[in-house]
Amino acid sequence: MLLSTTFGQSPFEVQALYRNGSARLWLLFLPAAYVQGDSLCYAEYHIEVLIRDGVRVYGHYHRRVYLYASSVELPQSNNLFSWNLSGLPFPLQWEVVVWDAARQSAVSRSGIFSSDQWAVLFSQNGRGYDRASLSASMEVVYHLPNDTYIGQAALYKEEAALPELRQYLSIEERRFTFQARNAWDTFHLYWRVEDLPPGAYLIGLYLYKGEELAYQAFYSVRRK
């Protein structure tokens, strides 16, 4: 049984992907939800994760973490945690309960692992991570069939946004080659962001086998 909970603003984000019989769940804790101190923000969380289908429990995990950030919410400790299992059926459900020891309250969230994606993007921010923000270094976690891929990543700046139309201008590109191993793995993207103005951007990620486009993904991010 999961902990009984009270509900409030979630101090974390969940990413949960299912690929080729392997499931992985990430919890990203948000420094904005830490307790605000004079020169330091901090949090103590007790985490409970349950992974199951309609009947069977495949994983039940507990973890306690102590997190720190600067007064301007720059992470001073790792704020990204993950759990993974292999040989699992689909669909698969996840439930997460996080107990905030400082505030004596808990938040519960649940959902289903997605099989529509093949990669998740995290922005590196100080000693921790962020989502949906543009940083100089970004980590892509993926799961792909064993093969050699030619990759292209493009950074686009939003030039216009109308109710039915968004226009983007390509401002930077990266090309690379890597060998996927049919397992969870990572690679990094590096952007020259120092001179970019604040605003909305889009990252496009394209993987080719020979000349054929095999996978693509798009991530909306903002330059703070």
N, C-alpha and C. Protein backbone atom coordinates (compact mmCIF):
# COMPACT_ATOMS: atom_id res chain seq x y z
N MET A 1 0.85 -1.20 0.00
CA MET A 1 0.00 0.00 0.00
C MET A 1 0.88 1.25 0.00
N LEU A 2 0.49 2.24 -0.79
CA LEU A 2 1.18 3.51 -0.76
C LEU A 2 0.74 4.31 0.46
N LEU A 3 1.53 5.31 0.79
CA LEU A 3 1.22 6.17 1.92
C LEU A 3 -0.10 6.91 1.70
N SER A 4 -0.83 7.18 2.77
CA SER A 4 -1.97 8.08 2.65
C SER A 4 -1.43 9.48 2.40
N THR A 5 -2.18 10.28 1.65
CA THR A 5 -1.62 11.55 1.20
C THR A 5 -2.59 12.71 1.35
N THR A 6 -2.00 13.88 1.40
CA THR A 6 -2.75 15.12 1.18
C THR A 6 -2.24 15.67 -0.14
N PHE A 7 -3.07 16.40 -0.85
CA PHE A 7 -2.70 16.84 -2.19
C PHE A 7 -2.39 18.33 -2.20
N GLY A 8 -1.38 18.68 -2.95
CA GLY A 8 -0.99 20.07 -3.10
C GLY A 8 -0.23 20.24 -4.39
N GLN A 9 0.45 21.38 -4.54
CA GLN A 9 1.24 21.61 -5.74
C GLN A 9 2.38 20.61 -5.79
N SER A 10 2.56 19.96 -6.94
CA SER A 10 3.56 18.91 -7.05
C SER A 10 4.96 19.48 -7.00
N PRO A 11 5.83 18.95 -6.14
CA PRO A 11 7.22 19.41 -6.09
C PRO A 11 8.12 18.69 -7.08
N PHE A 12 7.54 17.86 -7.96
CA PHE A 12 8.34 17.07 -8.88
C PHE A 12 7.62 16.89 -10.21
N GLU A 13 8.41 16.53 -11.24
CA GLU A 13 7.87 16.15 -12.54
C GLU A 13 8.21 14.69 -12.79
N VAL A 14 7.35 13.99 -13.53
CA VAL A 14 7.54 12.58 -13.83
C VAL A 14 7.69 12.39 -15.33
N GLN A 15 8.68 11.62 -15.73
CA GLN A 15 8.81 11.13 -17.10
C GLN A 15 8.86 9.61 -17.02
N ALA A 16 8.03 8.93 -17.81
CA ALA A 16 7.94 7.48 -17.73
C ALA A 16 7.81 6.91 -19.14
N LEU A 17 8.83 6.17 -19.59
CA LEU A 17 8.86 5.63 -20.94
C LEU A 17 8.95 4.11 -20.92
N TYR A 18 8.34 3.49 -21.91
CA TYR A 18 8.40 2.04 -22.11
C TYR A 18 8.92 1.77 -23.51
N ARG A 19 10.01 1.00 -23.59
CA ARG A 19 10.60 0.67 -24.89
C ARG A 19 11.07 -0.78 -24.89
N ASN A 20 10.54 -1.59 -25.82
CA ASN A 20 11.04 -2.94 -26.06
C ASN A 20 11.13 -3.78 -24.79
N GLY A 21 10.07 -3.76 -23.97
CA GLY A 21 10.03 -4.56 -22.76
C GLY A 21 10.76 -3.96 -21.58
N SER A 22 11.29 -2.75 -21.72
CA SER A 22 12.03 -2.10 -20.64
C SER A 22 11.33 -0.80 -20.28
N ALA A 23 11.10 -0.57 -19.00
CA ALA A 23 10.44 0.65 -18.53
C ALA A 23 11.40 1.44 -17.66
N ARG A 24 11.32 2.77 -17.79
CA ARG A 24 12.16 3.63 -16.96
C ARG A 24 11.34 4.84 -16.53
N LEU A 25 11.49 5.20 -15.26
CA LEU A 25 10.76 6.33 -14.69
C LEU A 25 11.76 7.29 -14.07
N TRP A 26 11.59 8.59 -14.37
CA TRP A 26 12.44 9.64 -13.81
C TRP A 26 11.60 10.56 -12.93
N LEU A 27 12.15 10.96 -11.80
CA LEU A 27 11.58 12.02 -10.96
C LEU A 27 12.54 13.20 -10.98
N LEU A 28 12.04 14.35 -11.38
CA LEU A 28 12.82 15.57 -11.40
C LEU A 28 12.23 16.50 -10.35
N PHE A 29 13.00 16.79 -9.30
CA PHE A 29 12.52 17.65 -8.22
C PHE A 29 12.82 19.12 -8.53
N LEU A 30 11.85 19.97 -8.26
CA LEU A 30 11.91 21.37 -8.67
C LEU A 30 12.42 22.25 -7.53
N PRO A 31 13.56 22.94 -7.71
CA PRO A 31 14.08 23.79 -6.65
C PRO A 31 13.10 24.87 -6.18
N ALA A 32 12.17 25.26 -7.04
CA ALA A 32 11.18 26.27 -6.63
C ALA A 32 10.29 25.78 -5.50
N ALA A 33 10.22 24.45 -5.31
CA ALA A 33 9.38 23.88 -4.25
C ALA A 33 10.15 23.63 -2.96
N TYR A 34 11.47 23.86 -2.96
CA TYR A 34 12.25 23.66 -1.74
C TYR A 34 11.85 24.71 -0.70
N VAL A 35 12.22 24.45 0.55
CA VAL A 35 12.03 25.44 1.61
C VAL A 35 13.03 26.57 1.39
N GLN A 36 12.54 27.80 1.41
CA GLN A 36 13.38 28.96 1.14
C GLN A 36 14.09 29.42 2.41
N GLY A 37 15.44 29.38 2.39
CA GLY A 37 16.23 29.89 3.50
C GLY A 37 16.83 31.24 3.15
N ASP A 38 17.64 31.80 4.05
CA ASP A 38 18.25 33.11 3.80
C ASP A 38 19.23 33.06 2.64
N SER A 39 20.07 32.04 2.60
CA SER A 39 21.08 31.94 1.54
C SER A 39 21.05 30.58 0.86
N LEU A 40 20.12 29.70 1.26
CA LEU A 40 20.08 28.35 0.73
C LEU A 40 18.65 27.82 0.75
N CYS A 41 18.28 27.09 -0.29
CA CYS A 41 16.99 26.40 -0.32
C CYS A 41 17.25 24.92 -0.09
N TYR A 42 16.37 24.24 0.62
CA TYR A 42 16.62 22.85 0.95
C TYR A 42 15.31 22.06 0.99
N ALA A 43 15.44 20.74 0.90
CA ALA A 43 14.27 19.86 0.96
C ALA A 43 14.71 18.48 1.42
N GLU A 44 13.82 17.83 2.15
CA GLU A 44 13.98 16.41 2.50
C GLU A 44 12.72 15.70 2.04
N TYR A 45 12.87 14.75 1.11
CA TYR A 45 11.74 14.03 0.56
C TYR A 45 11.88 12.53 0.81
N HIS A 46 10.75 11.90 1.16
CA HIS A 46 10.66 10.46 1.25
C HIS A 46 9.85 9.99 0.03
N ILE A 47 10.45 9.16 -0.80
CA ILE A 47 9.86 8.79 -2.08
C ILE A 47 9.39 7.34 -2.03
N GLU A 48 8.20 7.09 -2.56
CA GLU A 48 7.70 5.74 -2.73
C GLU A 48 7.21 5.60 -4.18
N VAL A 49 7.71 4.60 -4.87
CA VAL A 49 7.38 4.35 -6.27
C VAL A 49 6.82 2.94 -6.40
N LEU A 50 5.68 2.83 -7.08
CA LEU A 50 5.04 1.54 -7.32
C LEU A 50 4.85 1.38 -8.83
N ILE A 51 5.31 0.25 -9.37
CA ILE A 51 5.17 -0.06 -10.79
C ILE A 51 4.40 -1.36 -10.92
N ARG A 52 3.30 -1.35 -11.72
CA ARG A 52 2.44 -2.52 -11.79
C ARG A 52 1.59 -2.49 -13.06
N ASP A 53 0.95 -3.63 -13.34
CA ASP A 53 -0.12 -3.64 -14.33
C ASP A 53 -1.43 -3.71 -13.55
N GLY A 54 -2.51 -4.20 -14.14
CA GLY A 54 -3.77 -4.20 -13.42
C GLY A 54 -3.80 -5.12 -12.22
N VAL A 55 -2.90 -6.13 -12.19
CA VAL A 55 -2.95 -7.14 -11.13
C VAL A 55 -1.63 -7.26 -10.39
N ARG A 56 -0.55 -7.35 -11.11
CA ARG A 56 0.75 -7.71 -10.53
C ARG A 56 1.60 -6.49 -10.26
N VAL A 57 2.34 -6.51 -9.13
CA VAL A 57 3.30 -5.46 -8.80
C VAL A 57 4.68 -5.90 -9.27
N TYR A 58 5.33 -5.08 -10.09
CA TYR A 58 6.64 -5.41 -10.63
C TYR A 58 7.77 -4.68 -9.92
N GLY A 59 7.44 -3.62 -9.23
CA GLY A 59 8.47 -2.89 -8.50
C GLY A 59 7.86 -2.01 -7.43
N HIS A 60 8.48 -1.99 -6.26
CA HIS A 60 8.02 -1.15 -5.14
C HIS A 60 9.27 -0.62 -4.46
N TYR A 61 9.51 0.68 -4.58
CA TYR A 61 10.79 1.26 -4.18
C TYR A 61 10.59 2.37 -3.17
N HIS A 62 11.58 2.52 -2.28
CA HIS A 62 11.60 3.59 -1.28
C HIS A 62 12.96 4.28 -1.35
N ARG A 63 12.94 5.60 -1.21
CA ARG A 63 14.20 6.34 -1.19
C ARG A 63 14.00 7.63 -0.41
N ARG A 64 15.02 8.04 0.34
CA ARG A 64 15.01 9.33 1.03
C ARG A 64 16.12 10.18 0.42
N VAL A 65 15.79 11.44 0.08
CA VAL A 65 16.78 12.31 -0.54
C VAL A 65 16.82 13.65 0.17
N TYR A 66 18.00 14.24 0.21
CA TYR A 66 18.22 15.58 0.76
C TYR A 66 18.72 16.45 -0.39
N LEU A 67 18.02 17.54 -0.65
CA LEU A 67 18.30 18.36 -1.82
C LEU A 67 18.59 19.81 -1.40
N TYR A 68 19.47 20.46 -2.18
CA TYR A 68 19.87 21.83 -1.88
C TYR A 68 19.92 22.64 -3.16
N ALA A 69 19.64 23.92 -3.04
CA ALA A 69 19.73 24.86 -4.15
C ALA A 69 20.13 26.22 -3.60
N SER A 70 20.64 27.08 -4.48
CA SER A 70 20.99 28.43 -4.07
C SER A 70 19.72 29.25 -3.86
N SER A 71 19.89 30.47 -3.36
CA SER A 71 18.73 31.33 -3.11
C SER A 71 18.03 31.74 -4.40
N VAL A 72 18.72 31.57 -5.55
CA VAL A 72 18.08 31.86 -6.84
C VAL A 72 17.68 30.56 -7.54
N GLU A 73 17.54 29.49 -6.76
CA GLU A 73 17.01 28.20 -7.21
C GLU A 73 17.92 27.46 -8.19
N LEU A 74 19.23 27.69 -8.10
CA LEU A 74 20.19 26.92 -8.88
C LEU A 74 20.55 25.67 -8.09
N PRO A 75 20.32 24.47 -8.64
CA PRO A 75 20.57 23.24 -7.87
C PRO A 75 22.02 23.14 -7.39
N GLN A 76 22.18 22.80 -6.13
CA GLN A 76 23.49 22.55 -5.54
C GLN A 76 23.71 21.06 -5.30
N SER A 77 22.73 20.25 -5.62
CA SER A 77 22.84 18.79 -5.49
C SER A 77 21.98 18.16 -6.59
N ASN A 78 22.24 16.91 -6.88
CA ASN A 78 21.48 16.22 -7.92
C ASN A 78 20.00 16.19 -7.56
N ASN A 79 19.15 16.54 -8.51
CA ASN A 79 17.70 16.57 -8.27
C ASN A 79 16.94 15.67 -9.23
N LEU A 80 17.67 14.74 -9.90
CA LEU A 80 17.06 13.84 -10.88
C LEU A 80 17.36 12.40 -10.48
N PHE A 81 16.29 11.59 -10.34
CA PHE A 81 16.43 10.21 -9.91
C PHE A 81 15.61 9.31 -10.84
N SER A 82 16.09 8.08 -11.04
CA SER A 82 15.40 7.19 -11.98
C SER A 82 15.35 5.77 -11.45
N TRP A 83 14.35 5.04 -11.97
CA TRP A 83 14.17 3.62 -11.67
C TRP A 83 13.88 2.92 -13.00
N ASN A 84 14.41 1.72 -13.17
CA ASN A 84 14.13 1.00 -14.42
C ASN A 84 13.99 -0.50 -14.16
N LEU A 85 13.17 -1.14 -15.00
CA LEU A 85 12.91 -2.58 -14.95
C LEU A 85 12.90 -3.11 -16.38
N SER A 86 13.20 -4.38 -16.54
CA SER A 86 13.19 -5.00 -17.86
C SER A 86 12.29 -6.23 -17.85
N GLY A 87 11.94 -6.68 -19.06
CA GLY A 87 11.09 -7.86 -19.21
C GLY A 87 9.67 -7.63 -18.73
N LEU A 88 9.12 -6.46 -19.03
CA LEU A 88 7.82 -6.08 -18.50
C LEU A 88 6.75 -6.07 -19.60
N PRO A 89 5.49 -6.27 -19.22
CA PRO A 89 4.39 -6.19 -20.19
C PRO A 89 4.01 -4.75 -20.47
N PHE A 90 3.11 -4.56 -21.39
CA PHE A 90 2.56 -3.23 -21.67
C PHE A 90 1.05 -3.39 -21.86
N PRO A 91 0.21 -2.50 -21.33
CA PRO A 91 0.57 -1.25 -20.65
C PRO A 91 1.00 -1.47 -19.21
N LEU A 92 1.73 -0.51 -18.70
CA LEU A 92 2.26 -0.58 -17.35
C LEU A 92 1.96 0.74 -16.64
N GLN A 93 1.59 0.64 -15.36
CA GLN A 93 1.20 1.82 -14.59
C GLN A 93 2.29 2.17 -13.57
N TRP A 94 2.34 3.46 -13.23
CA TRP A 94 3.23 3.91 -12.17
C TRP A 94 2.45 4.77 -11.18
N GLU A 95 2.85 4.70 -9.92
CA GLU A 95 2.32 5.56 -8.87
C GLU A 95 3.49 6.09 -8.06
N VAL A 96 3.45 7.37 -7.74
CA VAL A 96 4.53 8.00 -6.97
C VAL A 96 3.91 8.79 -5.82
N VAL A 97 4.46 8.60 -4.63
CA VAL A 97 4.10 9.43 -3.48
C VAL A 97 5.39 10.05 -2.93
N VAL A 98 5.39 11.35 -2.74
CA VAL A 98 6.52 12.07 -2.17
C VAL A 98 6.08 12.77 -0.89
N TRP A 99 6.70 12.41 0.21
CA TRP A 99 6.43 13.03 1.51
C TRP A 99 7.46 14.12 1.75
N ASP A 100 6.98 15.34 1.94
CA ASP A 100 7.82 16.50 2.22
C ASP A 100 7.99 16.58 3.73
N ALA A 101 9.17 16.21 4.24
CA ALA A 101 9.39 16.14 5.68
C ALA A 101 9.33 17.51 6.33
N ALA A 102 9.79 18.56 5.62
CA ALA A 102 9.80 19.90 6.20
C ALA A 102 8.39 20.45 6.36
N ARG A 103 7.51 20.18 5.39
CA ARG A 103 6.16 20.73 5.42
C ARG A 103 5.14 19.73 5.99
N GLN A 104 5.59 18.51 6.25
CA GLN A 104 4.70 17.47 6.79
C GLN A 104 3.46 17.28 5.91
N SER A 105 3.71 17.14 4.61
CA SER A 105 2.63 16.93 3.66
C SER A 105 3.14 16.04 2.53
N ALA A 106 2.20 15.44 1.79
CA ALA A 106 2.58 14.53 0.72
C ALA A 106 1.81 14.85 -0.55
N VAL A 107 2.42 14.49 -1.68
CA VAL A 107 1.80 14.64 -2.99
C VAL A 107 1.85 13.29 -3.69
N SER A 108 0.74 12.91 -4.31
CA SER A 108 0.64 11.64 -5.01
C SER A 108 0.30 11.89 -6.48
N ARG A 109 0.97 11.15 -7.36
CA ARG A 109 0.67 11.21 -8.79
C ARG A 109 0.73 9.80 -9.36
N SER A 110 -0.02 9.59 -10.46
CA SER A 110 -0.02 8.27 -11.10
C SER A 110 -0.23 8.45 -12.60
N GLY A 111 0.11 7.41 -13.36
CA GLY A 111 -0.05 7.47 -14.80
C GLY A 111 0.35 6.16 -15.45
N ILE A 112 0.46 6.17 -16.76
CA ILE A 112 0.81 5.00 -17.56
C ILE A 112 2.10 5.29 -18.32
N PHE A 113 2.98 4.32 -18.38
CA PHE A 113 4.21 4.48 -19.15
C PHE A 113 3.87 4.72 -20.62
N SER A 114 4.56 5.68 -21.22
CA SER A 114 4.33 6.02 -22.62
C SER A 114 5.22 5.16 -23.52
N SER A 115 4.65 4.65 -24.61
CA SER A 115 5.44 3.94 -25.60
C SER A 115 5.56 4.76 -26.89
N ASP A 116 5.10 6.00 -26.86
CA ASP A 116 5.10 6.85 -28.06
C ASP A 116 6.42 7.60 -28.23
N GLN A 117 7.23 7.66 -27.19
CA GLN A 117 8.48 8.40 -27.25
C GLN A 117 9.66 7.43 -27.23
N TRP A 118 10.81 7.90 -27.64
CA TRP A 118 12.02 7.09 -27.57
C TRP A 118 13.14 7.78 -26.81
N ALA A 119 12.93 9.04 -26.43
CA ALA A 119 13.99 9.76 -25.72
C ALA A 119 13.38 10.85 -24.86
N VAL A 120 14.07 11.20 -23.78
CA VAL A 120 13.64 12.30 -22.92
C VAL A 120 14.83 13.23 -22.74
N LEU A 121 14.55 14.53 -22.75
CA LEU A 121 15.60 15.55 -22.73
C LEU A 121 15.61 16.28 -21.39
N PHE A 122 16.80 16.39 -20.79
CA PHE A 122 16.98 17.14 -19.55
C PHE A 122 18.02 18.22 -19.77
N SER A 123 17.77 19.40 -19.19
CA SER A 123 18.71 20.51 -19.26
C SER A 123 19.62 20.46 -18.04
N GLN A 124 20.92 20.56 -18.26
CA GLN A 124 21.83 20.58 -17.13
C GLN A 124 21.88 21.98 -16.55
N ASN A 125 21.73 22.05 -15.22
CA ASN A 125 21.57 23.33 -14.54
C ASN A 125 22.32 23.27 -13.22
N GLY A 126 23.50 23.89 -13.18
CA GLY A 126 24.32 23.78 -11.98
C GLY A 126 24.71 22.34 -11.75
N ARG A 127 24.52 21.84 -10.53
CA ARG A 127 24.81 20.45 -10.21
C ARG A 127 23.60 19.54 -10.43
N GLY A 128 22.51 20.13 -10.93
CA GLY A 128 21.29 19.35 -11.14
C GLY A 128 20.77 19.48 -12.55
N TYR A 129 19.46 19.33 -12.68
CA TYR A 129 18.83 19.30 -13.99
C TYR A 129 17.54 20.11 -13.97
N ASP A 130 17.07 20.39 -15.18
CA ASP A 130 15.83 21.14 -15.37
C ASP A 130 15.14 20.55 -16.58
N ARG A 131 13.88 20.96 -16.80
CA ARG A 131 13.13 20.55 -17.97
C ARG A 131 12.61 21.79 -18.66
N ALA A 132 12.47 21.69 -19.97
CA ALA A 132 11.84 22.75 -20.77
C ALA A 132 12.58 24.07 -20.69
N SER A 133 13.88 24.03 -20.39
CA SER A 133 14.70 25.24 -20.43
C SER A 133 15.90 24.97 -21.32
N LEU A 134 16.41 26.01 -21.94
CA LEU A 134 17.55 25.90 -22.84
C LEU A 134 18.82 26.18 -22.06
N SER A 135 19.74 25.22 -22.07
CA SER A 135 21.02 25.39 -21.39
C SER A 135 22.15 25.01 -22.34
N ALA A 136 23.38 25.34 -21.95
CA ALA A 136 24.53 25.06 -22.82
C ALA A 136 24.76 23.57 -22.99
N SER A 137 24.41 22.77 -21.99
CA SER A 137 24.57 21.32 -22.07
C SER A 137 23.24 20.66 -21.76
N MET A 138 22.82 19.74 -22.62
CA MET A 138 21.54 19.06 -22.45
C MET A 138 21.76 17.56 -22.62
N GLU A 139 21.12 16.77 -21.76
CA GLU A 139 21.31 15.32 -21.75
C GLU A 139 20.08 14.64 -22.35
N VAL A 140 20.31 13.79 -23.33
CA VAL A 140 19.24 13.01 -23.96
C VAL A 140 19.37 11.56 -23.50
N VAL A 141 18.32 11.04 -22.87
CA VAL A 141 18.29 9.64 -22.45
C VAL A 141 17.36 8.90 -23.40
N TYR A 142 17.83 7.81 -23.99
CA TYR A 142 17.08 7.15 -25.06
C TYR A 142 17.16 5.63 -24.93
N HIS A 143 16.27 4.96 -25.66
CA HIS A 143 16.29 3.50 -25.77
C HIS A 143 15.92 3.17 -27.22
N LEU A 144 16.87 2.61 -27.96
CA LEU A 144 16.68 2.33 -29.38
C LEU A 144 17.20 0.93 -29.72
N PRO A 145 16.65 0.32 -30.77
CA PRO A 145 17.18 -0.97 -31.22
C PRO A 145 18.67 -0.87 -31.58
N ASN A 146 19.36 -1.96 -31.39
CA ASN A 146 20.80 -2.00 -31.68
C ASN A 146 21.07 -1.66 -33.14
N ASP A 147 21.77 -0.54 -33.36
CA ASP A 147 22.07 -0.11 -34.72
C ASP A 147 22.96 1.13 -34.65
N THR A 148 23.55 1.47 -35.78
CA THR A 148 24.32 2.71 -35.89
C THR A 148 23.45 3.79 -36.51
N TYR A 149 23.40 4.95 -35.87
CA TYR A 149 22.54 6.04 -36.31
C TYR A 149 23.37 7.28 -36.60
N ILE A 150 22.96 7.99 -37.62
CA ILE A 150 23.48 9.33 -37.89
C ILE A 150 22.46 10.32 -37.34
N GLY A 151 22.90 11.17 -36.44
CA GLY A 151 21.98 12.09 -35.77
C GLY A 151 22.18 13.53 -36.22
N GLN A 152 21.10 14.27 -36.19
CA GLN A 152 21.14 15.70 -36.43
C GLN A 152 20.24 16.38 -35.41
N ALA A 153 20.77 17.38 -34.74
CA ALA A 153 20.00 18.17 -33.79
C ALA A 153 19.98 19.61 -34.26
N ALA A 154 18.84 20.24 -34.22
CA ALA A 154 18.69 21.62 -34.67
C ALA A 154 18.03 22.45 -33.58
N LEU A 155 18.53 23.65 -33.40
CA LEU A 155 17.96 24.59 -32.44
C LEU A 155 17.24 25.68 -33.23
N TYR A 156 15.96 25.87 -32.92
CA TYR A 156 15.13 26.84 -33.63
C TYR A 156 14.68 27.93 -32.66
N LYS A 157 14.63 29.16 -33.16
CA LYS A 157 14.11 30.29 -32.38
C LYS A 157 12.70 30.59 -32.86
N GLU A 158 11.77 30.75 -31.93
CA GLU A 158 10.40 31.09 -32.30
C GLU A 158 10.35 32.54 -32.78
N GLU A 159 9.91 32.72 -34.02
CA GLU A 159 9.84 34.05 -34.62
C GLU A 159 8.44 34.64 -34.55
N ALA A 160 7.43 33.79 -34.61
CA ALA A 160 6.05 34.27 -34.56
C ALA A 160 5.17 33.17 -34.01
N ALA A 161 4.16 33.54 -33.26
CA ALA A 161 3.24 32.57 -32.69
C ALA A 161 1.81 33.10 -32.83
N LEU A 162 1.03 32.44 -33.66
CA LEU A 162 -0.37 32.76 -33.86
C LEU A 162 -1.21 31.58 -33.37
N PRO A 163 -2.51 31.77 -33.16
CA PRO A 163 -3.34 30.66 -32.66
C PRO A 163 -3.22 29.38 -33.49
N GLU A 164 -3.08 29.51 -34.80
CA GLU A 164 -3.03 28.32 -35.66
C GLU A 164 -1.66 28.12 -36.31
N LEU A 165 -0.65 28.94 -35.95
CA LEU A 165 0.63 28.86 -36.65
C LEU A 165 1.77 29.30 -35.74
N ARG A 166 2.84 28.51 -35.75
CA ARG A 166 4.08 28.90 -35.09
C ARG A 166 5.20 28.85 -36.13
N GLN A 167 6.01 29.88 -36.17
CA GLN A 167 7.12 29.94 -37.11
C GLN A 167 8.44 29.94 -36.35
N TYR A 168 9.37 29.11 -36.81
CA TYR A 168 10.66 29.00 -36.16
C TYR A 168 11.78 29.23 -37.17
N LEU A 169 12.88 29.80 -36.70
CA LEU A 169 14.05 30.06 -37.51
C LEU A 169 15.19 29.19 -36.99
N SER A 170 15.81 28.38 -37.86
CA SER A 170 16.93 27.54 -37.47
C SER A 170 18.16 28.42 -37.22
N ILE A 171 18.76 28.28 -36.04
CA ILE A 171 19.90 29.13 -35.70
C ILE A 171 21.17 28.34 -35.40
N GLU A 172 21.06 27.02 -35.18
CA GLU A 172 22.25 26.23 -34.88
C GLU A 172 21.94 24.76 -35.15
N GLU A 173 22.94 24.01 -35.62
CA GLU A 173 22.76 22.59 -35.89
C GLU A 173 23.95 21.80 -35.36
N ARG A 174 23.70 20.55 -35.01
CA ARG A 174 24.73 19.62 -34.58
C ARG A 174 24.53 18.31 -35.32
N ARG A 175 25.63 17.68 -35.75
CA ARG A 175 25.56 16.37 -36.38
C ARG A 175 26.48 15.41 -35.63
N PHE A 176 26.08 14.15 -35.53
CA PHE A 176 26.84 13.19 -34.75
C PHE A 176 26.46 11.77 -35.21
N THR A 177 27.26 10.80 -34.80
CA THR A 177 27.01 9.38 -35.07
C THR A 177 27.14 8.62 -33.76
N PHE A 178 26.23 7.66 -33.53
CA PHE A 178 26.38 6.83 -32.33
C PHE A 178 25.81 5.43 -32.56
N GLN A 179 26.25 4.53 -31.71
CA GLN A 179 25.82 3.13 -31.76
C GLN A 179 24.85 2.87 -30.62
N ALA A 180 23.58 2.58 -30.95
CA ALA A 180 22.60 2.21 -29.93
C ALA A 180 22.79 0.75 -29.56
N ARG A 181 22.47 0.40 -28.30
CA ARG A 181 22.75 -0.94 -27.79
C ARG A 181 21.50 -1.65 -27.27
N ASN A 182 20.31 -1.20 -27.72
CA ASN A 182 19.06 -1.79 -27.27
C ASN A 182 18.93 -1.75 -25.75
N ALA A 183 19.35 -0.64 -25.17
CA ALA A 183 19.30 -0.43 -23.72
C ALA A 183 19.23 1.07 -23.47
N TRP A 184 18.93 1.45 -22.23
CA TRP A 184 18.92 2.87 -21.89
C TRP A 184 20.34 3.42 -21.95
N ASP A 185 20.49 4.54 -22.63
CA ASP A 185 21.81 5.15 -22.78
C ASP A 185 21.62 6.66 -22.91
N THR A 186 22.74 7.39 -22.96
CA THR A 186 22.65 8.85 -23.02
C THR A 186 23.65 9.42 -24.03
N PHE A 187 23.32 10.58 -24.54
CA PHE A 187 24.30 11.42 -25.21
C PHE A 187 23.98 12.87 -24.88
N HIS A 188 24.91 13.76 -25.18
CA HIS A 188 24.76 15.17 -24.79
C HIS A 188 24.76 16.07 -26.03
N LEU A 189 23.98 17.13 -25.90
CA LEU A 189 23.96 18.20 -26.89
C LEU A 189 24.55 19.46 -26.25
N TYR A 190 25.34 20.18 -27.02
CA TYR A 190 25.96 21.40 -26.52
C TYR A 190 25.59 22.55 -27.45
N TRP A 191 25.09 23.63 -26.86
CA TRP A 191 24.66 24.79 -27.64
C TRP A 191 25.41 26.04 -27.18
N ARG A 192 25.59 26.97 -28.11
CA ARG A 192 26.15 28.28 -27.77
C ARG A 192 24.98 29.19 -27.40
N VAL A 193 24.72 29.30 -26.12
CA VAL A 193 23.51 30.00 -25.68
C VAL A 193 23.81 31.37 -25.07
N GLU A 194 25.09 31.71 -24.89
CA GLU A 194 25.42 32.93 -24.14
C GLU A 194 24.81 34.18 -24.76
N ASP A 195 24.78 34.25 -26.09
CA ASP A 195 24.30 35.46 -26.76
C ASP A 195 22.85 35.38 -27.20
N LEU A 196 22.17 34.28 -26.85
CA LEU A 196 20.78 34.13 -27.28
C LEU A 196 19.85 34.91 -26.34
N PRO A 197 18.88 35.63 -26.88
CA PRO A 197 17.95 36.38 -26.03
C PRO A 197 16.96 35.45 -25.34
N PRO A 198 16.37 35.88 -24.24
CA PRO A 198 15.30 35.08 -23.62
C PRO A 198 14.13 34.90 -24.58
N GLY A 199 13.44 33.78 -24.44
CA GLY A 199 12.29 33.54 -25.30
C GLY A 199 12.08 32.07 -25.55
N ALA A 200 11.21 31.76 -26.50
CA ALA A 200 10.81 30.40 -26.81
C ALA A 200 11.69 29.82 -27.92
N TYR A 201 12.11 28.57 -27.72
CA TYR A 201 12.93 27.87 -28.69
C TYR A 201 12.37 26.46 -28.87
N LEU A 202 12.87 25.80 -29.89
CA LEU A 202 12.48 24.42 -30.18
C LEU A 202 13.73 23.64 -30.54
N ILE A 203 13.87 22.45 -29.97
CA ILE A 203 14.96 21.55 -30.34
C ILE A 203 14.37 20.41 -31.16
N GLY A 204 14.90 20.21 -32.34
CA GLY A 204 14.51 19.10 -33.19
C GLY A 204 15.61 18.06 -33.21
N LEU A 205 15.26 16.80 -33.00
CA LEU A 205 16.23 15.72 -32.96
C LEU A 205 15.84 14.69 -34.01
N TYR A 206 16.76 14.40 -34.94
CA TYR A 206 16.48 13.52 -36.08
C TYR A 206 17.54 12.43 -36.15
N LEU A 207 17.13 11.17 -36.27
CA LEU A 207 18.06 10.06 -36.40
C LEU A 207 17.82 9.35 -37.72
N TYR A 208 18.91 9.07 -38.42
CA TYR A 208 18.85 8.46 -39.74
C TYR A 208 19.57 7.11 -39.73
N LYS A 209 19.03 6.17 -40.50
CA LYS A 209 19.74 4.94 -40.85
C LYS A 209 20.01 5.01 -42.34
N GLY A 210 21.25 5.28 -42.71
CA GLY A 210 21.54 5.60 -44.10
C GLY A 210 20.92 6.94 -44.42
N GLU A 211 20.12 7.01 -45.46
CA GLU A 211 19.44 8.25 -45.83
C GLU A 211 18.00 8.28 -45.34
N GLU A 212 17.55 7.24 -44.66
CA GLU A 212 16.16 7.15 -44.21
C GLU A 212 16.02 7.73 -42.80
N LEU A 213 15.03 8.62 -42.62
CA LEU A 213 14.74 9.16 -41.30
C LEU A 213 14.04 8.08 -40.48
N ALA A 214 14.69 7.63 -39.41
CA ALA A 214 14.15 6.54 -38.59
C ALA A 214 13.38 7.05 -37.37
N TYR A 215 13.86 8.13 -36.74
CA TYR A 215 13.23 8.67 -35.53
C TYR A 215 13.37 10.18 -35.54
N GLN A 216 12.37 10.84 -34.96
CA GLN A 216 12.48 12.27 -34.75
C GLN A 216 11.71 12.65 -33.50
N ALA A 217 12.13 13.73 -32.86
CA ALA A 217 11.47 14.22 -31.65
C ALA A 217 11.66 15.72 -31.57
N PHE A 218 10.72 16.41 -30.93
CA PHE A 218 10.77 17.86 -30.78
C PHE A 218 10.53 18.22 -29.31
N TYR A 219 11.32 19.18 -28.82
CA TYR A 219 11.24 19.60 -27.43
C TYR A 219 11.11 21.12 -27.38
N SER A 220 10.03 21.59 -26.80
CA SER A 220 9.86 23.03 -26.60
C SER A 220 10.62 23.45 -25.35
N VAL A 221 11.47 24.47 -25.47
CA VAL A 221 12.27 24.94 -24.35
C VAL A 221 12.24 26.46 -24.34
N ARG A 222 12.64 27.03 -23.20
CA ARG A 222 12.70 28.49 -23.08
C ARG A 222 14.07 28.90 -22.58
N ARG A 223 14.55 29.99 -23.10
CA ARG A 223 15.76 30.61 -22.62
C ARG A 223 15.35 31.61 -21.55
N LYS A 224 15.80 31.40 -20.33
CA LYS A 224 15.36 32.24 -19.20
C LYS A 224 16.13 33.55 -19.18
